[in-house]
Amino acid sequence: MVGRGRRHQEAEHLEPSTQSFPALVCIGASQSDVGVNNNVQGSVARVNFLPCRDFINGNRCGPTGRFSNGKILPDLLGGSFRAHSKCSG
């Protein structure tokens, strides 16, 4: 049988861990990108001008160049682990 080696037998006897993770770090993944491409040469889709607006920390501000102000994958994962966001943008 596949997967029934020594490691599999050891894994069956492991107790659940009570350790916690201090941070969730996402670097360079397309799932963690809100689409800021204002400085990309030749890009036609830009949002760094009015009427495109964004909200930062609940305050309405001018154009930030972000395509999304909604939650993305790291926000959802952090919320399911009850992590607090240290990021603002």
N, C-alpha and C. Protein backbone atom coordinates (compact mmCIF):
# COMPACT_ATOMS: atom_id res chain seq x y z
N MET A 1 0.84 -1.18 0.00
CA MET A 1 0.00 0.00 0.00
C MET A 1 0.88 1.24 0.00
N VAL A 2 0.46 2.20 -0.74
CA VAL A 2 1.20 3.46 -0.82
C VAL A 2 0.91 4.28 0.43
N GLY A 3 1.94 4.87 1.00
CA GLY A 3 1.75 5.75 2.15
C GLY A 3 1.62 5.03 3.47
N ARG A 4 1.94 3.76 3.55
CA ARG A 4 1.84 3.03 4.80
C ARG A 4 3.21 2.70 5.38
N GLY A 5 4.18 3.53 5.09
CA GLY A 5 5.52 3.31 5.60
C GLY A 5 5.65 3.73 7.05
N ARG A 6 6.87 3.80 7.52
CA ARG A 6 7.15 4.13 8.91
C ARG A 6 6.67 5.54 9.26
N ARG A 7 6.88 6.49 8.35
CA ARG A 7 6.46 7.87 8.61
C ARG A 7 4.95 7.95 8.79
N HIS A 8 4.21 7.21 8.00
CA HIS A 8 2.75 7.24 8.11
C HIS A 8 2.31 6.70 9.47
N GLN A 9 2.94 5.64 9.94
CA GLN A 9 2.60 5.06 11.24
C GLN A 9 2.91 6.04 12.36
N GLU A 10 4.03 6.77 12.25
CA GLU A 10 4.37 7.76 13.26
C GLU A 10 3.37 8.90 13.26
N ALA A 11 2.91 9.31 12.10
CA ALA A 11 1.98 10.43 12.00
C ALA A 11 0.63 10.10 12.62
N GLU A 12 0.23 8.83 12.60
CA GLU A 12 -1.05 8.45 13.19
C GLU A 12 -1.06 8.64 14.70
N HIS A 13 0.09 8.62 15.34
CA HIS A 13 0.15 8.69 16.80
C HIS A 13 0.49 10.08 17.32
N LEU A 14 0.57 11.06 16.45
CA LEU A 14 0.89 12.42 16.88
C LEU A 14 -0.32 13.07 17.52
N GLU A 15 -0.09 13.81 18.59
CA GLU A 15 -1.15 14.56 19.25
C GLU A 15 -1.32 15.90 18.56
N PRO A 16 -2.52 16.47 18.60
CA PRO A 16 -2.72 17.81 18.02
C PRO A 16 -1.85 18.84 18.72
N SER A 17 -1.33 19.76 17.96
CA SER A 17 -0.44 20.79 18.50
C SER A 17 -1.24 21.96 19.04
N THR A 18 -0.75 22.57 20.10
CA THR A 18 -1.38 23.77 20.65
C THR A 18 -0.54 25.00 20.34
N GLN A 19 0.48 24.84 19.50
CA GLN A 19 1.33 25.97 19.15
C GLN A 19 0.58 26.90 18.22
N SER A 20 0.97 28.18 18.27
CA SER A 20 0.35 29.16 17.39
C SER A 20 1.40 29.76 16.47
N PHE A 21 0.95 30.31 15.36
CA PHE A 21 1.83 30.98 14.43
C PHE A 21 1.76 32.47 14.69
N PRO A 22 2.90 33.15 14.84
CA PRO A 22 2.88 34.58 15.14
C PRO A 22 2.55 35.46 13.94
N ALA A 23 2.68 34.92 12.72
CA ALA A 23 2.45 35.77 11.54
C ALA A 23 2.11 34.92 10.33
N LEU A 24 1.42 35.55 9.40
CA LEU A 24 1.15 34.95 8.10
C LEU A 24 1.77 35.89 7.08
N VAL A 25 2.79 35.42 6.37
CA VAL A 25 3.52 36.27 5.44
C VAL A 25 3.30 35.75 4.02
N CYS A 26 2.84 36.62 3.14
CA CYS A 26 2.65 36.28 1.73
C CYS A 26 3.53 37.22 0.91
N ILE A 27 4.45 36.65 0.17
CA ILE A 27 5.38 37.48 -0.60
C ILE A 27 5.32 37.08 -2.06
N GLY A 28 4.99 38.03 -2.90
CA GLY A 28 5.10 37.84 -4.34
C GLY A 28 4.09 36.91 -4.98
N ALA A 29 3.03 36.58 -4.31
CA ALA A 29 2.03 35.70 -4.91
C ALA A 29 0.95 36.53 -5.58
N SER A 30 0.45 36.04 -6.70
CA SER A 30 -0.59 36.79 -7.40
C SER A 30 -1.88 36.85 -6.59
N GLN A 31 -2.07 35.93 -5.66
CA GLN A 31 -3.25 35.95 -4.82
C GLN A 31 -3.19 37.05 -3.77
N SER A 32 -2.02 37.63 -3.55
CA SER A 32 -1.89 38.68 -2.54
C SER A 32 -1.60 40.04 -3.18
N ASP A 33 -1.94 40.18 -4.45
CA ASP A 33 -1.67 41.41 -5.17
C ASP A 33 -2.99 42.10 -5.52
N VAL A 34 -3.13 43.37 -5.15
CA VAL A 34 -4.37 44.10 -5.46
C VAL A 34 -4.28 44.80 -6.80
N GLY A 35 -3.20 44.63 -7.51
CA GLY A 35 -3.12 45.12 -8.88
C GLY A 35 -2.61 46.52 -9.05
N VAL A 36 -1.58 46.91 -8.35
CA VAL A 36 -1.02 48.24 -8.52
C VAL A 36 -0.03 48.19 -9.69
N ASN A 37 -0.40 48.81 -10.80
CA ASN A 37 0.49 48.78 -11.96
C ASN A 37 0.65 50.17 -12.56
N ASN A 38 0.64 51.19 -11.73
CA ASN A 38 0.69 52.57 -12.22
C ASN A 38 1.99 52.92 -12.92
N ASN A 39 3.08 52.27 -12.57
CA ASN A 39 4.37 52.61 -13.15
C ASN A 39 4.82 51.64 -14.24
N VAL A 40 3.94 50.76 -14.67
CA VAL A 40 4.27 49.80 -15.71
C VAL A 40 4.11 50.48 -17.07
N GLN A 41 5.17 50.53 -17.83
CA GLN A 41 5.14 51.18 -19.14
C GLN A 41 4.23 50.41 -20.09
N GLY A 42 3.38 51.13 -20.79
CA GLY A 42 2.50 50.51 -21.77
C GLY A 42 1.19 49.98 -21.21
N SER A 43 0.99 50.09 -19.90
CA SER A 43 -0.24 49.60 -19.30
C SER A 43 -1.38 50.58 -19.54
N VAL A 44 -2.50 50.09 -20.03
CA VAL A 44 -3.64 50.96 -20.29
C VAL A 44 -4.57 50.98 -19.08
N ALA A 45 -4.60 49.93 -18.31
CA ALA A 45 -5.49 49.83 -17.15
C ALA A 45 -4.79 50.41 -15.93
N ARG A 46 -5.09 51.67 -15.64
CA ARG A 46 -4.51 52.33 -14.47
C ARG A 46 -5.62 52.95 -13.65
N VAL A 47 -5.42 53.02 -12.36
CA VAL A 47 -6.44 53.59 -11.48
C VAL A 47 -5.85 54.65 -10.55
N ASN A 48 -4.83 55.34 -11.01
CA ASN A 48 -4.20 56.37 -10.17
C ASN A 48 -4.69 57.77 -10.54
N PHE A 49 -5.96 57.89 -10.93
CA PHE A 49 -6.52 59.19 -11.27
C PHE A 49 -7.99 59.20 -10.84
N LEU A 50 -8.57 60.38 -10.72
CA LEU A 50 -9.99 60.49 -10.37
C LEU A 50 -10.84 59.99 -11.53
N PRO A 51 -11.97 59.41 -11.35
CA PRO A 51 -12.77 59.28 -10.13
C PRO A 51 -12.44 58.05 -9.31
N CYS A 52 -11.38 57.32 -9.62
CA CYS A 52 -11.02 56.13 -8.85
C CYS A 52 -10.56 56.56 -7.47
N ARG A 53 -11.26 56.13 -6.44
CA ARG A 53 -10.92 56.50 -5.07
C ARG A 53 -10.78 55.24 -4.23
N ASP A 54 -10.18 55.41 -3.09
CA ASP A 54 -9.97 54.30 -2.19
C ASP A 54 -10.21 54.75 -0.77
N PHE A 55 -10.38 53.80 0.11
CA PHE A 55 -10.54 54.08 1.53
C PHE A 55 -9.38 53.44 2.27
N ILE A 56 -8.68 54.23 3.06
CA ILE A 56 -7.58 53.72 3.87
C ILE A 56 -7.94 53.94 5.32
N ASN A 57 -8.00 52.87 6.08
CA ASN A 57 -8.37 52.92 7.50
C ASN A 57 -9.71 53.61 7.70
N GLY A 58 -10.65 53.40 6.78
CA GLY A 58 -11.98 53.97 6.90
C GLY A 58 -12.12 55.40 6.41
N ASN A 59 -11.04 56.05 6.05
CA ASN A 59 -11.09 57.43 5.57
C ASN A 59 -11.03 57.47 4.05
N ARG A 60 -11.91 58.26 3.45
CA ARG A 60 -11.90 58.39 2.00
C ARG A 60 -10.69 59.21 1.58
N CYS A 61 -9.97 58.72 0.62
CA CYS A 61 -8.78 59.42 0.16
C CYS A 61 -8.80 59.49 -1.36
N GLY A 62 -7.81 60.06 -1.91
CA GLY A 62 -7.72 60.19 -3.36
C GLY A 62 -7.33 58.88 -4.01
N PRO A 63 -7.00 58.94 -5.28
CA PRO A 63 -6.62 57.73 -6.02
C PRO A 63 -5.33 57.13 -5.47
N THR A 64 -5.38 55.86 -5.15
CA THR A 64 -4.20 55.18 -4.63
C THR A 64 -3.57 54.25 -5.65
N GLY A 65 -4.29 53.96 -6.73
CA GLY A 65 -3.74 53.06 -7.73
C GLY A 65 -4.02 51.60 -7.45
N ARG A 66 -4.91 51.32 -6.52
CA ARG A 66 -5.25 49.93 -6.21
C ARG A 66 -6.51 49.54 -6.96
N PHE A 67 -6.53 48.35 -7.54
CA PHE A 67 -7.70 47.87 -8.26
C PHE A 67 -8.75 47.30 -7.33
N SER A 68 -8.40 47.01 -6.10
CA SER A 68 -9.35 46.38 -5.18
C SER A 68 -9.18 46.94 -3.79
N ASN A 69 -10.29 47.14 -3.12
CA ASN A 69 -10.25 47.48 -1.71
C ASN A 69 -10.90 46.36 -0.91
N GLY A 70 -11.22 45.28 -1.60
CA GLY A 70 -11.86 44.14 -0.95
C GLY A 70 -10.84 43.22 -0.33
N LYS A 71 -11.34 42.21 0.34
CA LYS A 71 -10.46 41.24 0.98
C LYS A 71 -9.88 40.29 -0.07
N ILE A 72 -8.63 39.94 0.13
CA ILE A 72 -7.95 39.00 -0.75
C ILE A 72 -7.57 37.78 0.07
N LEU A 73 -6.98 36.78 -0.54
CA LEU A 73 -6.70 35.51 0.11
C LEU A 73 -5.98 35.63 1.45
N PRO A 74 -4.90 36.42 1.58
CA PRO A 74 -4.24 36.53 2.89
C PRO A 74 -5.16 37.13 3.97
N ASP A 75 -6.06 38.04 3.60
CA ASP A 75 -7.02 38.58 4.56
C ASP A 75 -7.95 37.50 5.07
N LEU A 76 -8.42 36.66 4.16
CA LEU A 76 -9.34 35.59 4.55
C LEU A 76 -8.64 34.54 5.40
N LEU A 77 -7.41 34.19 5.03
CA LEU A 77 -6.66 33.22 5.83
C LEU A 77 -6.36 33.77 7.22
N GLY A 78 -5.95 35.02 7.27
CA GLY A 78 -5.66 35.64 8.56
C GLY A 78 -6.89 35.72 9.43
N GLY A 79 -8.04 35.99 8.83
CA GLY A 79 -9.28 36.04 9.58
C GLY A 79 -9.68 34.69 10.13
N SER A 80 -9.41 33.63 9.38
CA SER A 80 -9.77 32.30 9.87
C SER A 80 -8.84 31.85 10.99
N PHE A 81 -7.64 32.41 11.05
CA PHE A 81 -6.71 32.09 12.13
C PHE A 81 -6.76 33.13 13.24
N ARG A 82 -7.69 34.07 13.14
CA ARG A 82 -7.85 35.15 14.10
C ARG A 82 -6.58 36.00 14.22
N ALA A 83 -5.92 36.23 13.11
CA ALA A 83 -4.73 37.07 13.10
C ALA A 83 -5.14 38.52 12.90
N HIS A 84 -4.35 39.42 13.41
CA HIS A 84 -4.61 40.84 13.26
C HIS A 84 -3.74 41.39 12.15
N SER A 85 -4.31 42.23 11.30
CA SER A 85 -3.57 42.79 10.18
C SER A 85 -2.71 43.95 10.64
N LYS A 86 -1.45 43.93 10.26
CA LYS A 86 -0.52 45.02 10.55
C LYS A 86 -0.30 45.86 9.30
N CYS A 87 -0.98 45.50 8.21
CA CYS A 87 -0.76 46.18 6.93
C CYS A 87 -1.80 47.26 6.72
N SER A 88 -1.39 48.30 6.07
CA SER A 88 -2.32 49.32 5.62
C SER A 88 -1.84 49.77 4.26
N GLY A 89 -2.71 50.31 3.49
CA GLY A 89 -2.25 50.66 2.17
C GLY A 89 -3.01 51.74 1.63
